[in-house]
Amino acid sequence: MVVPVKTGSGTACLRCGRLPDGERVGIAFTTQARLARVMGADQPWTYLSGPAMRDMLAPLGVTRIQVDPGLIAAS
């Protein structure tokens, strides 16, 4: 999956979003083009497998990954 990240000070962390009900979700896209269409061409990203992404989000209490969202409310 193509996963948007926040970068700074030599580190990167996964970007999360929120569903309309407020639930935090991981964000992933099936292609770089889809990520760019929703989040902009300048959005940093990385490739991650589903299991790796789930492992990274679990300590944050995020259990759902939204794939190819059409709109992002970043958290």
Protein backbone atom coordinates (compact mmCIF):
# COMPACT_ATOMS: atom_id res chain seq x y z
CA MET A 1 0.00 0.00 0.00
CA VAL A 2 1.02 3.61 -0.54
CA VAL A 3 0.83 5.28 2.88
CA PRO A 4 1.00 9.03 3.57
CA VAL A 5 3.50 10.09 6.22
CA LYS A 6 4.45 13.22 8.14
CA THR A 7 8.15 13.96 8.02
CA GLY A 8 10.45 16.08 10.12
CA SER A 9 13.74 16.00 12.01
CA GLY A 10 14.85 12.90 10.12
CA THR A 11 11.77 10.88 11.09
CA ALA A 12 8.51 9.84 9.47
CA CYS A 13 5.22 8.85 11.06
CA LEU A 14 2.01 7.53 9.57
CA ARG A 15 -0.77 10.00 8.87
CA CYS A 16 -4.18 9.20 10.28
CA GLY A 17 -7.61 10.53 9.44
CA ARG A 18 -11.03 10.58 11.03
CA LEU A 19 -14.33 9.15 9.94
CA PRO A 20 -17.45 11.35 10.20
CA ASP A 21 -18.21 9.77 13.60
CA GLY A 22 -14.75 10.81 14.89
CA GLU A 23 -13.09 7.37 14.80
CA ARG A 24 -9.37 7.57 13.94
CA VAL A 25 -8.32 5.48 10.97
CA GLY A 26 -5.11 4.67 9.17
CA ILE A 27 -4.97 5.98 5.61
CA ALA A 28 -3.65 3.98 2.65
CA PHE A 29 -3.92 4.10 -1.11
CA THR A 30 -3.57 1.46 -3.80
CA THR A 31 -1.52 3.75 -6.09
CA GLN A 32 0.62 6.88 -5.86
CA ALA A 33 -1.77 8.59 -8.28
CA ARG A 34 -4.74 8.06 -5.95
CA LEU A 35 -2.79 9.43 -2.99
CA ALA A 36 -1.78 12.51 -5.01
CA ARG A 37 -5.37 13.09 -6.19
CA VAL A 38 -6.67 13.19 -2.60
CA MET A 39 -3.72 14.57 -0.61
CA GLY A 40 -1.70 16.47 -3.20
CA ALA A 41 1.38 15.62 -5.23
CA ASP A 42 3.72 16.96 -2.53
CA GLN A 43 2.43 14.59 0.18
CA PRO A 44 5.33 12.41 1.43
CA TRP A 45 4.56 8.68 1.40
CA THR A 46 6.05 5.23 1.85
CA TYR A 47 5.17 1.68 0.86
CA LEU A 48 3.88 -0.56 3.66
CA SER A 49 2.16 -3.92 3.81
CA GLY A 50 -1.19 -4.17 5.54
CA PRO A 51 0.20 -6.22 8.45
CA ALA A 52 3.10 -3.79 9.00
CA MET A 53 0.72 -0.83 8.99
CA ARG A 54 -1.62 -2.54 11.48
CA ASP A 55 1.34 -3.31 13.77
CA MET A 56 2.43 0.34 13.69
CA LEU A 57 -1.08 1.70 14.35
CA ALA A 58 -2.09 -0.77 17.08
CA PRO A 59 -0.24 1.02 19.93
CA LEU A 60 -2.20 4.16 19.02
CA GLY A 61 -5.50 2.31 19.33
CA VAL A 62 -6.16 2.60 15.60
CA THR A 63 -7.66 -0.65 14.34
CA ARG A 64 -9.16 0.37 11.00
CA ILE A 65 -7.38 1.23 7.75
CA GLN A 66 -9.32 3.26 5.19
CA VAL A 67 -8.08 2.33 1.70
CA ASP A 68 -8.48 4.82 -1.17
CA PRO A 69 -10.51 7.41 0.75
CA GLY A 70 -12.00 10.22 -1.34
CA LEU A 71 -11.73 12.85 1.38
CA ILE A 72 -9.33 13.19 4.32
CA ALA A 73 -9.93 14.90 7.64
CA ALA A 74 -6.42 14.68 9.05
CA SER A 75 -5.79 14.15 12.72
